[in-house]
Amino acid sequence: MTETTARQRKKILVVTAHPESRSLTSALTAFAVGHLRAAGHQVRVSDLYAMKWKAVVDADDFPEHPADGRLDVMGASERATLAGRLTPDVAAEQEKSAGRTRWSCSSPCGGSRCPRS
């Protein structure tokens, strides 16, 4: 492998979120992943629905947050990140993105708006 070839290969994280594996979103994700891998890129896929990812942020995401205190999500997230005390699911997703040179998100959108949850 030449130095140029090595530089062109990317480490890519594809994050996808759709409840139906036969959806257009899932098909487009599979298409993109296949082509990226065929081009020699290292691709990792994180399927949030398959993982049963908890999409709602609440006080449970910050175990050290006082139960009677107002939850400032940005502040609590910053403190948890700096202290290395993120919940295991969040820490695992952040680990997946470490060292990636590119990432892509794929989720369902209808027309000009995303569907309600």
N, C-alpha and C. Protein backbone atom coordinates (compact mmCIF):
# COMPACT_ATOMS: atom_id res chain seq x y z
N MET A 1 0.84 -1.17 0.00
CA MET A 1 0.00 0.00 0.00
C MET A 1 0.89 1.24 0.00
N THR A 2 0.58 2.18 -0.84
CA THR A 2 1.37 3.40 -0.90
C THR A 2 0.93 4.37 0.18
N GLU A 3 1.73 5.37 0.44
CA GLU A 3 1.38 6.36 1.44
C GLU A 3 0.12 7.11 1.04
N THR A 4 -0.04 7.39 -0.24
CA THR A 4 -1.23 8.08 -0.72
C THR A 4 -2.48 7.25 -0.48
N THR A 5 -2.42 5.95 -0.75
CA THR A 5 -3.57 5.08 -0.55
C THR A 5 -3.94 5.04 0.93
N ALA A 6 -2.96 4.95 1.81
CA ALA A 6 -3.23 4.92 3.24
C ALA A 6 -3.90 6.21 3.70
N ARG A 7 -3.48 7.34 3.15
CA ARG A 7 -4.06 8.62 3.54
C ARG A 7 -5.51 8.75 3.08
N GLN A 8 -5.86 8.14 1.99
CA GLN A 8 -7.21 8.27 1.44
C GLN A 8 -8.23 7.41 2.19
N ARG A 9 -7.78 6.37 2.84
CA ARG A 9 -8.70 5.51 3.58
C ARG A 9 -9.13 6.21 4.86
N LYS A 10 -10.41 6.19 5.11
CA LYS A 10 -10.96 6.88 6.28
C LYS A 10 -11.54 5.88 7.26
N LYS A 11 -11.59 6.30 8.51
CA LYS A 11 -12.29 5.55 9.56
C LYS A 11 -13.62 6.27 9.74
N ILE A 12 -14.71 5.59 9.41
CA ILE A 12 -16.02 6.23 9.35
C ILE A 12 -16.99 5.57 10.32
N LEU A 13 -17.72 6.39 11.06
CA LEU A 13 -18.79 5.91 11.92
C LEU A 13 -20.10 6.34 11.29
N VAL A 14 -20.98 5.38 11.03
CA VAL A 14 -22.31 5.66 10.51
C VAL A 14 -23.30 5.39 11.63
N VAL A 15 -24.04 6.43 12.03
CA VAL A 15 -25.06 6.30 13.06
C VAL A 15 -26.40 6.30 12.36
N THR A 16 -27.17 5.25 12.57
CA THR A 16 -28.47 5.14 11.91
C THR A 16 -29.57 4.97 12.96
N ALA A 17 -30.75 5.48 12.64
CA ALA A 17 -31.87 5.40 13.57
C ALA A 17 -33.17 5.25 12.80
N HIS A 18 -33.67 4.03 12.72
CA HIS A 18 -34.98 3.78 12.11
C HIS A 18 -35.50 2.47 12.68
N PRO A 19 -36.78 2.45 13.08
CA PRO A 19 -37.31 1.24 13.70
C PRO A 19 -37.57 0.09 12.72
N GLU A 20 -37.60 0.37 11.43
CA GLU A 20 -37.94 -0.65 10.44
C GLU A 20 -36.72 -0.98 9.59
N SER A 21 -36.27 -2.23 9.66
CA SER A 21 -35.07 -2.64 8.92
C SER A 21 -35.30 -2.67 7.40
N ARG A 22 -36.56 -2.66 6.97
CA ARG A 22 -36.86 -2.66 5.52
C ARG A 22 -37.18 -1.27 4.99
N SER A 23 -36.86 -0.24 5.75
CA SER A 23 -37.18 1.14 5.36
C SER A 23 -36.19 1.68 4.33
N LEU A 24 -36.56 2.79 3.72
CA LEU A 24 -35.66 3.49 2.81
C LEU A 24 -34.40 3.93 3.56
N THR A 25 -34.57 4.43 4.76
CA THR A 25 -33.42 4.86 5.56
C THR A 25 -32.43 3.71 5.76
N SER A 26 -32.95 2.54 6.11
CA SER A 26 -32.08 1.38 6.31
C SER A 26 -31.42 0.94 5.01
N ALA A 27 -32.17 0.99 3.91
CA ALA A 27 -31.60 0.63 2.61
C ALA A 27 -30.50 1.60 2.20
N LEU A 28 -30.72 2.89 2.41
CA LEU A 28 -29.70 3.88 2.07
C LEU A 28 -28.46 3.72 2.94
N THR A 29 -28.67 3.40 4.21
CA THR A 29 -27.54 3.16 5.11
C THR A 29 -26.72 1.97 4.62
N ALA A 30 -27.39 0.87 4.30
CA ALA A 30 -26.70 -0.33 3.82
C ALA A 30 -25.96 -0.04 2.52
N PHE A 31 -26.58 0.72 1.64
CA PHE A 31 -25.95 1.09 0.37
C PHE A 31 -24.67 1.89 0.61
N ALA A 32 -24.77 2.91 1.46
CA ALA A 32 -23.61 3.75 1.75
C ALA A 32 -22.49 2.95 2.40
N VAL A 33 -22.84 2.13 3.39
CA VAL A 33 -21.84 1.33 4.09
C VAL A 33 -21.15 0.38 3.12
N GLY A 34 -21.92 -0.27 2.25
CA GLY A 34 -21.34 -1.19 1.27
C GLY A 34 -20.36 -0.50 0.34
N HIS A 35 -20.74 0.67 -0.15
CA HIS A 35 -19.86 1.40 -1.06
C HIS A 35 -18.62 1.94 -0.36
N LEU A 36 -18.78 2.40 0.86
CA LEU A 36 -17.62 2.89 1.61
C LEU A 36 -16.63 1.76 1.89
N ARG A 37 -17.16 0.61 2.28
CA ARG A 37 -16.27 -0.54 2.53
C ARG A 37 -15.61 -1.02 1.24
N ALA A 38 -16.36 -1.03 0.15
CA ALA A 38 -15.80 -1.45 -1.14
C ALA A 38 -14.68 -0.51 -1.58
N ALA A 39 -14.77 0.75 -1.14
CA ALA A 39 -13.73 1.73 -1.48
C ALA A 39 -12.53 1.62 -0.55
N GLY A 40 -12.59 0.68 0.40
CA GLY A 40 -11.44 0.44 1.27
C GLY A 40 -11.49 1.18 2.59
N HIS A 41 -12.59 1.84 2.89
CA HIS A 41 -12.69 2.57 4.16
C HIS A 41 -13.08 1.62 5.29
N GLN A 42 -12.66 1.96 6.48
CA GLN A 42 -13.03 1.20 7.67
C GLN A 42 -14.33 1.81 8.19
N VAL A 43 -15.41 1.04 8.18
CA VAL A 43 -16.72 1.56 8.54
C VAL A 43 -17.27 0.81 9.75
N ARG A 44 -17.76 1.57 10.70
CA ARG A 44 -18.44 0.99 11.87
C ARG A 44 -19.85 1.56 11.89
N VAL A 45 -20.85 0.72 12.12
CA VAL A 45 -22.24 1.15 12.13
C VAL A 45 -22.78 1.08 13.55
N SER A 46 -23.46 2.13 13.95
CA SER A 46 -24.13 2.17 15.24
C SER A 46 -25.62 2.33 14.96
N ASP A 47 -26.39 1.26 15.16
CA ASP A 47 -27.83 1.26 14.88
C ASP A 47 -28.56 1.51 16.20
N LEU A 48 -29.02 2.74 16.39
CA LEU A 48 -29.60 3.14 17.67
C LEU A 48 -30.88 2.37 18.01
N TYR A 49 -31.72 2.08 17.03
CA TYR A 49 -32.94 1.32 17.31
C TYR A 49 -32.60 -0.12 17.70
N ALA A 50 -31.68 -0.74 17.01
CA ALA A 50 -31.29 -2.12 17.33
C ALA A 50 -30.71 -2.20 18.74
N MET A 51 -30.06 -1.12 19.17
CA MET A 51 -29.46 -1.08 20.50
C MET A 51 -30.47 -0.70 21.58
N LYS A 52 -31.69 -0.33 21.15
CA LYS A 52 -32.72 0.18 22.07
C LYS A 52 -32.20 1.41 22.83
N TRP A 53 -31.54 2.30 22.07
CA TRP A 53 -30.96 3.53 22.61
C TRP A 53 -32.03 4.39 23.26
N LYS A 54 -31.75 4.90 24.43
CA LYS A 54 -32.67 5.79 25.14
C LYS A 54 -32.48 7.20 24.57
N ALA A 55 -33.48 7.67 23.85
CA ALA A 55 -33.33 8.94 23.14
C ALA A 55 -33.67 10.17 23.98
N VAL A 56 -34.33 9.99 25.10
CA VAL A 56 -34.74 11.11 25.93
C VAL A 56 -33.70 11.36 27.01
N VAL A 57 -33.29 12.61 27.15
CA VAL A 57 -32.34 12.98 28.20
C VAL A 57 -33.14 13.35 29.44
N ASP A 58 -32.75 12.76 30.58
CA ASP A 58 -33.39 13.09 31.85
C ASP A 58 -32.38 12.92 32.98
N ALA A 59 -32.82 13.14 34.20
CA ALA A 59 -31.92 13.08 35.36
C ALA A 59 -31.25 11.72 35.53
N ASP A 60 -31.87 10.64 35.01
CA ASP A 60 -31.26 9.31 35.11
C ASP A 60 -29.94 9.23 34.36
N ASP A 61 -29.73 10.13 33.41
CA ASP A 61 -28.48 10.14 32.66
C ASP A 61 -27.33 10.75 33.46
N PHE A 62 -27.65 11.34 34.59
CA PHE A 62 -26.63 11.99 35.42
C PHE A 62 -26.81 11.52 36.87
N PRO A 63 -26.32 10.33 37.19
CA PRO A 63 -26.54 9.74 38.52
C PRO A 63 -26.09 10.61 39.69
N GLU A 64 -25.11 11.47 39.45
CA GLU A 64 -24.61 12.30 40.55
C GLU A 64 -25.39 13.60 40.71
N HIS A 65 -26.37 13.82 39.86
CA HIS A 65 -27.19 15.03 39.95
C HIS A 65 -28.12 14.91 41.15
N PRO A 66 -28.18 15.95 41.99
CA PRO A 66 -29.07 15.87 43.17
C PRO A 66 -30.53 15.77 42.74
N ALA A 67 -31.26 14.86 43.38
CA ALA A 67 -32.66 14.60 43.02
C ALA A 67 -33.54 15.84 43.16
N ASP A 68 -33.22 16.71 44.10
CA ASP A 68 -34.07 17.89 44.32
C ASP A 68 -33.57 19.12 43.55
N GLY A 69 -32.52 18.95 42.76
CA GLY A 69 -31.97 20.10 42.02
C GLY A 69 -32.54 20.21 40.61
N ARG A 70 -32.54 21.43 40.10
CA ARG A 70 -32.98 21.68 38.72
C ARG A 70 -31.95 21.08 37.78
N LEU A 71 -32.41 20.36 36.76
CA LEU A 71 -31.50 19.72 35.82
C LEU A 71 -31.12 20.68 34.70
N ASP A 72 -29.87 21.07 34.68
CA ASP A 72 -29.29 21.84 33.58
C ASP A 72 -28.53 20.83 32.74
N VAL A 73 -29.16 20.37 31.66
CA VAL A 73 -28.61 19.26 30.87
C VAL A 73 -27.20 19.57 30.37
N MET A 74 -27.00 20.75 29.81
CA MET A 74 -25.68 21.09 29.27
C MET A 74 -24.62 21.11 30.38
N GLY A 75 -24.94 21.72 31.51
CA GLY A 75 -23.99 21.77 32.61
C GLY A 75 -23.71 20.40 33.20
N ALA A 76 -24.76 19.61 33.41
CA ALA A 76 -24.60 18.26 33.96
C ALA A 76 -23.81 17.39 33.00
N SER A 77 -24.06 17.54 31.70
CA SER A 77 -23.33 16.76 30.70
C SER A 77 -21.85 17.14 30.70
N GLU A 78 -21.57 18.43 30.78
CA GLU A 78 -20.17 18.87 30.81
C GLU A 78 -19.46 18.33 32.05
N ARG A 79 -20.11 18.43 33.19
CA ARG A 79 -19.49 17.93 34.43
C ARG A 79 -19.25 16.42 34.37
N ALA A 80 -20.22 15.68 33.86
CA ALA A 80 -20.09 14.22 33.76
C ALA A 80 -18.98 13.85 32.78
N THR A 81 -18.89 14.58 31.68
CA THR A 81 -17.85 14.31 30.69
C THR A 81 -16.47 14.57 31.27
N LEU A 82 -16.30 15.73 31.89
CA LEU A 82 -14.99 16.09 32.45
C LEU A 82 -14.57 15.17 33.59
N ALA A 83 -15.55 14.66 34.34
CA ALA A 83 -15.25 13.77 35.47
C ALA A 83 -15.16 12.31 35.03
N GLY A 84 -15.44 12.03 33.75
CA GLY A 84 -15.41 10.65 33.29
C GLY A 84 -16.53 9.81 33.88
N ARG A 85 -17.68 10.43 34.11
CA ARG A 85 -18.80 9.73 34.75
C ARG A 85 -20.06 9.70 33.87
N LEU A 86 -19.87 9.49 32.59
CA LEU A 86 -21.01 9.35 31.70
C LEU A 86 -21.65 7.99 31.90
N THR A 87 -22.92 7.87 31.60
CA THR A 87 -23.57 6.57 31.71
C THR A 87 -22.92 5.62 30.70
N PRO A 88 -22.93 4.33 30.96
CA PRO A 88 -22.24 3.37 30.08
C PRO A 88 -22.66 3.44 28.62
N ASP A 89 -23.96 3.66 28.35
CA ASP A 89 -24.41 3.72 26.96
C ASP A 89 -23.83 4.91 26.22
N VAL A 90 -23.78 6.06 26.89
CA VAL A 90 -23.22 7.26 26.26
C VAL A 90 -21.71 7.11 26.08
N ALA A 91 -21.04 6.59 27.09
CA ALA A 91 -19.59 6.38 27.00
C ALA A 91 -19.24 5.43 25.85
N ALA A 92 -20.05 4.38 25.68
CA ALA A 92 -19.80 3.41 24.60
C ALA A 92 -19.95 4.06 23.23
N GLU A 93 -20.95 4.91 23.06
CA GLU A 93 -21.13 5.59 21.77
C GLU A 93 -20.00 6.58 21.52
N GLN A 94 -19.56 7.27 22.55
CA GLN A 94 -18.43 8.19 22.37
C GLN A 94 -17.17 7.43 22.01
N GLU A 95 -16.97 6.26 22.60
CA GLU A 95 -15.80 5.44 22.29
C GLU A 95 -15.81 5.02 20.82
N LYS A 96 -16.99 4.72 20.30
CA LYS A 96 -17.09 4.34 18.88
C LYS A 96 -16.62 5.45 17.96
N SER A 97 -16.84 6.69 18.35
CA SER A 97 -16.46 7.81 17.49
C SER A 97 -14.99 8.20 17.64
N ALA A 98 -14.33 7.72 18.68
CA ALA A 98 -12.92 8.06 18.90
C ALA A 98 -12.06 7.57 17.73
N GLY A 99 -11.25 8.45 17.20
CA GLY A 99 -10.33 8.09 16.13
C GLY A 99 -10.97 8.05 14.75
N ARG A 100 -12.25 8.32 14.66
CA ARG A 100 -12.92 8.33 13.35
C ARG A 100 -12.60 9.65 12.65
N THR A 101 -12.33 9.55 11.37
CA THR A 101 -12.03 10.76 10.60
C THR A 101 -13.29 11.35 9.98
N ARG A 102 -14.34 10.57 9.90
CA ARG A 102 -15.61 11.02 9.34
C ARG A 102 -16.74 10.30 10.06
N TRP A 103 -17.92 10.91 10.06
CA TRP A 103 -19.09 10.21 10.55
C TRP A 103 -20.31 10.71 9.81
N SER A 104 -21.34 9.87 9.81
CA SER A 104 -22.57 10.16 9.09
C SER A 104 -23.75 9.72 9.93
N CYS A 105 -24.84 10.49 9.88
CA CYS A 105 -26.07 10.12 10.57
C CYS A 105 -27.16 9.87 9.54
N SER A 106 -27.94 8.84 9.77
CA SER A 106 -29.03 8.48 8.87
C SER A 106 -30.28 8.25 9.70
N SER A 107 -31.30 9.08 9.49
CA SER A 107 -32.55 8.91 10.22
C SER A 107 -33.70 9.27 9.30
N PRO A 108 -34.91 8.82 9.64
CA PRO A 108 -36.05 9.07 8.75
C PRO A 108 -36.51 10.52 8.78
N CYS A 109 -36.80 11.06 7.64
CA CYS A 109 -37.41 12.38 7.52
C CYS A 109 -38.47 12.29 6.43
N GLY A 110 -39.59 12.88 6.68
CA GLY A 110 -40.66 12.89 5.70
C GLY A 110 -40.85 14.30 5.17
N GLY A 111 -40.64 14.51 3.88
CA GLY A 111 -40.77 15.85 3.33
C GLY A 111 -39.74 16.77 3.92
N SER A 112 -40.18 17.83 4.53
CA SER A 112 -39.23 18.80 5.09
C SER A 112 -39.15 18.74 6.60
N ARG A 113 -39.80 17.77 7.21
CA ARG A 113 -39.75 17.68 8.67
C ARG A 113 -39.53 16.24 9.12
N CYS A 114 -38.94 16.09 10.27
CA CYS A 114 -38.75 14.76 10.85
C CYS A 114 -40.03 14.33 11.54
N PRO A 115 -40.30 13.05 11.59
CA PRO A 115 -41.53 12.58 12.25
C PRO A 115 -41.49 12.82 13.75
N ARG A 116 -42.66 12.96 14.34
CA ARG A 116 -42.73 13.12 15.79
C ARG A 116 -42.44 11.80 16.46
N SER A 117 -41.88 11.88 17.67
CA SER A 117 -41.59 10.62 18.38
C SER A 117 -42.74 10.25 19.27
